Amino acid sequence: MEVQYFEDDQGRQPAKEFIDGLDPKMRAKVFGRLLLLEEYGERLPMPFARHLEDGIFELRTPQGSNITRLLYFFFVGNRAIVTNGFVKKTQRTPRKEIERAKKFREIWRSHNDRL
């Protein structure tokens, strides 16, 4: 499985920017989880990954009381596209983060529909 970051029309990569802003220990753990996603793809089970809705998944990385989430979707050609990330503060994944991932997925598809 190839893991890629979503990139918007201005060249920004929201998920990568989020990861870069994490403290070094959490960032290392997140990269470890991304390696698991690369290795297991859609077979990556709980507690590492979970399907949220409509083809949007979350990659879960706990450290102490902090829980970092990266949202992603799968694309043709055995690829996972990581769209955005956040630190989870509530039981439920914030709706705005899921909607943001869906919006980024639509942009991705519009640029990559011929692949």
C-alpha atoms as a PDB file:
ATOM      1  CA  MET A   1       0.000   0.000   0.000  1.00  0.00           C
ATOM      2  CA  GLU A   2       1.313   3.429  -0.917  1.00  0.00           C
ATOM      3  CA  VAL A   3       0.451   6.205   1.558  1.00  0.00           C
ATOM      4  CA  GLN A   4       0.258   9.722   0.117  1.00  0.00           C
ATOM      5  CA  TYR A   5      -0.722  13.111   1.506  1.00  0.00           C
ATOM      6  CA  PHE A   6      -3.578  15.046  -0.046  1.00  0.00           C
ATOM      7  CA  GLU A   7      -2.316  18.250  -1.658  1.00  0.00           C
ATOM      8  CA  ASP A   8      -4.619  21.205  -2.375  1.00  0.00           C
ATOM      9  CA  ASP A   9      -4.469  23.561  -5.356  1.00  0.00           C
ATOM     10  CA  GLN A  10      -1.981  25.816  -3.542  1.00  0.00           C
ATOM     11  CA  GLY A  11       0.397  22.919  -2.865  1.00  0.00           C
ATOM     12  CA  ARG A  12      -0.489  22.664   0.831  1.00  0.00           C
ATOM     13  CA  GLN A  13      -0.663  19.270   2.503  1.00  0.00           C
ATOM     14  CA  PRO A  14      -2.960  19.679   5.543  1.00  0.00           C
ATOM     15  CA  ALA A  15      -2.187  16.273   7.074  1.00  0.00           C
ATOM     16  CA  LYS A  16       1.570  16.687   6.682  1.00  0.00           C
ATOM     17  CA  GLU A  17       1.421  20.187   8.144  1.00  0.00           C
ATOM     18  CA  PHE A  18      -0.562  18.816  11.090  1.00  0.00           C
ATOM     19  CA  ILE A  19       1.976  16.027  11.683  1.00  0.00           C
ATOM     20  CA  ASP A  20       4.897  18.455  11.411  1.00  0.00           C
ATOM     21  CA  GLY A  21       3.309  20.535  14.199  1.00  0.00           C
ATOM     22  CA  LEU A  22       3.120  17.637  16.668  1.00  0.00           C
ATOM     23  CA  ASP A  23       5.648  17.189  19.471  1.00  0.00           C
ATOM     24  CA  PRO A  24       8.514  14.857  18.481  1.00  0.00           C
ATOM     25  CA  LYS A  25       7.309  11.849  20.491  1.00  0.00           C
ATOM     26  CA  MET A  26       3.767  11.965  19.075  1.00  0.00           C
ATOM     27  CA  ARG A  27       5.095  12.613  15.566  1.00  0.00           C
ATOM     28  CA  ALA A  28       7.273   9.474  15.829  1.00  0.00           C
ATOM     29  CA  LYS A  29       4.264   7.430  16.945  1.00  0.00           C
ATOM     30  CA  VAL A  30       2.141   8.797  14.093  1.00  0.00           C
ATOM     31  CA  PHE A  31       4.827   7.853  11.563  1.00  0.00           C
ATOM     32  CA  GLY A  32       4.849   4.365  13.105  1.00  0.00           C
ATOM     33  CA  ARG A  33       1.096   4.114  12.534  1.00  0.00           C
ATOM     34  CA  LEU A  34       1.502   5.318   8.960  1.00  0.00           C
ATOM     35  CA  LEU A  35       3.985   2.468   8.417  1.00  0.00           C
ATOM     36  CA  LEU A  36       1.355   0.033   9.711  1.00  0.00           C
ATOM     37  CA  LEU A  37      -1.170   1.506   7.264  1.00  0.00           C
ATOM     38  CA  GLU A  38       1.382   1.093   4.485  1.00  0.00           C
ATOM     39  CA  GLU A  39       1.947  -2.556   5.442  1.00  0.00           C
ATOM     40  CA  TYR A  40      -1.634  -3.677   6.154  1.00  0.00           C
ATOM     41  CA  GLY A  41      -3.763  -1.247   4.135  1.00  0.00           C
ATOM     42  CA  GLU A  42      -7.475  -1.965   4.392  1.00  0.00           C
ATOM     43  CA  ARG A  43      -6.766  -4.912   6.698  1.00  0.00           C
ATOM     44  CA  LEU A  44      -5.402  -2.680   9.474  1.00  0.00           C
ATOM     45  CA  PRO A  45      -7.713  -3.465  12.437  1.00  0.00           C
ATOM     46  CA  MET A  46      -8.888  -1.670  15.554  1.00  0.00           C
ATOM     47  CA  PRO A  47      -7.415  -0.177  17.670  1.00  0.00           C
ATOM     48  CA  PHE A  48      -5.135   1.195  14.926  1.00  0.00           C
ATOM     49  CA  ALA A  49      -7.720   2.167  12.335  1.00  0.00           C
ATOM     50  CA  ARG A  50     -11.474   2.441  12.028  1.00  0.00           C
ATOM     51  CA  HIS A  51     -13.969   3.133   9.243  1.00  0.00           C
ATOM     52  CA  LEU A  52     -15.969   6.258  10.117  1.00  0.00           C
ATOM     53  CA  GLU A  53     -18.421   6.652   7.227  1.00  0.00           C
ATOM     54  CA  ASP A  54     -18.710   6.816   3.460  1.00  0.00           C
ATOM     55  CA  GLY A  55     -15.197   5.481   2.804  1.00  0.00           C
ATOM     56  CA  ILE A  56     -13.473   7.803   5.285  1.00  0.00           C
ATOM     57  CA  PHE A  57     -11.210   6.084   7.828  1.00  0.00           C
ATOM     58  CA  GLU A  58      -9.284   7.277  10.863  1.00  0.00           C
ATOM     59  CA  LEU A  59      -5.782   6.249  11.885  1.00  0.00           C
ATOM     60  CA  ARG A  60      -5.652   6.320  15.677  1.00  0.00           C
ATOM     61  CA  THR A  61      -2.520   7.208  17.653  1.00  0.00           C
ATOM     62  CA  PRO A  62      -2.742   7.485  21.462  1.00  0.00           C
ATOM     63  CA  GLN A  63      -0.013   8.926  23.673  1.00  0.00           C
ATOM     64  CA  GLY A  64      -0.843   9.524  27.307  1.00  0.00           C
ATOM     65  CA  SER A  65      -4.112  11.447  27.420  1.00  0.00           C
ATOM     66  CA  ASN A  66      -3.700  12.751  23.852  1.00  0.00           C
ATOM     67  CA  ILE A  67      -5.287  10.915  20.958  1.00  0.00           C
ATOM     68  CA  THR A  68      -4.206  11.994  17.494  1.00  0.00           C
ATOM     69  CA  ARG A  69      -6.319  11.085  14.475  1.00  0.00           C
ATOM     70  CA  LEU A  70      -5.465  11.175  10.791  1.00  0.00           C
ATOM     71  CA  LEU A  71      -8.318  10.835   8.323  1.00  0.00           C
ATOM     72  CA  TYR A  72      -7.794   9.068   5.020  1.00  0.00           C
ATOM     73  CA  PHE A  73      -9.473   7.227   2.158  1.00  0.00           C
ATOM     74  CA  PHE A  74      -8.411   4.506  -0.250  1.00  0.00           C
ATOM     75  CA  PHE A  75      -7.916   5.130  -3.951  1.00  0.00           C
ATOM     76  CA  VAL A  76      -7.465   2.906  -6.992  1.00  0.00           C
ATOM     77  CA  GLY A  77      -3.966   1.549  -7.381  1.00  0.00           C
ATOM     78  CA  ASN A  78      -3.581   0.383  -3.794  1.00  0.00           C
ATOM     79  CA  ARG A  79      -3.169   3.872  -2.334  1.00  0.00           C
ATOM     80  CA  ALA A  80      -4.257   5.488   0.917  1.00  0.00           C
ATOM     81  CA  ILE A  81      -4.620   9.276   0.749  1.00  0.00           C
ATOM     82  CA  VAL A  82      -4.213  11.008   4.123  1.00  0.00           C
ATOM     83  CA  THR A  83      -6.306  14.169   4.131  1.00  0.00           C
ATOM     84  CA  ASN A  84      -6.237  15.885   7.520  1.00  0.00           C
ATOM     85  CA  GLY A  85      -5.487  15.383  11.188  1.00  0.00           C
ATOM     86  CA  PHE A  86      -6.571  16.576  14.601  1.00  0.00           C
ATOM     87  CA  VAL A  87      -6.192  15.869  18.301  1.00  0.00           C
ATOM     88  CA  LYS A  88      -9.353  14.222  19.524  1.00  0.00           C
ATOM     89  CA  LYS A  89     -10.873  15.902  22.581  1.00  0.00           C
ATOM     90  CA  THR A  90     -14.345  14.320  22.650  1.00  0.00           C
ATOM     91  CA  GLN A  91     -15.838  10.840  22.349  1.00  0.00           C
ATOM     92  CA  ARG A  92     -17.134  11.477  18.837  1.00  0.00           C
ATOM     93  CA  THR A  93     -15.043  12.426  15.842  1.00  0.00           C
ATOM     94  CA  PRO A  94     -15.927  16.052  15.023  1.00  0.00           C
ATOM     95  CA  ARG A  95     -18.319  16.267  12.060  1.00  0.00           C
ATOM     96  CA  LYS A  96     -16.336  19.177  10.566  1.00  0.00           C
ATOM     97  CA  GLU A  97     -13.215  16.986  10.336  1.00  0.00           C
ATOM     98  CA  ILE A  98     -15.121  14.213   8.530  1.00  0.00           C
ATOM     99  CA  GLU A  99     -16.666  16.749   6.137  1.00  0.00           C
ATOM    100  CA  ARG A 100     -13.241  18.262   5.526  1.00  0.00           C
ATOM    101  CA  ALA A 101     -11.858  14.820   4.615  1.00  0.00           C
ATOM    102  CA  LYS A 102     -14.782  14.253   2.226  1.00  0.00           C
ATOM    103  CA  LYS A 103     -14.189  17.635   0.578  1.00  0.00           C
ATOM    104  CA  PHE A 104     -10.495  16.856   0.138  1.00  0.00           C
ATOM    105  CA  ARG A 105     -11.413  13.436  -1.301  1.00  0.00           C
ATOM    106  CA  GLU A 106     -13.629  15.075  -3.923  1.00  0.00           C
ATOM    107  CA  ILE A 107     -10.837  17.471  -4.883  1.00  0.00           C
ATOM    108  CA  TRP A 108      -8.395  14.543  -5.082  1.00  0.00           C
ATOM    109  CA  ARG A 109     -10.774  12.546  -7.276  1.00  0.00           C
ATOM    110  CA  SER A 110     -11.366  15.486  -9.608  1.00  0.00           C
ATOM    111  CA  HIS A 111      -7.605  15.742 -10.219  1.00  0.00           C
ATOM    112  CA  ASN A 112      -6.924  11.990 -10.344  1.00  0.00           C
ATOM    113  CA  ASP A 113      -9.984  10.418 -11.945  1.00  0.00           C
ATOM    114  CA  ARG A 114      -8.011   9.248 -14.994  1.00  0.00           C
ATOM    115  CA  LEU A 115      -5.491   7.221 -12.968  1.00  0.00           C
END
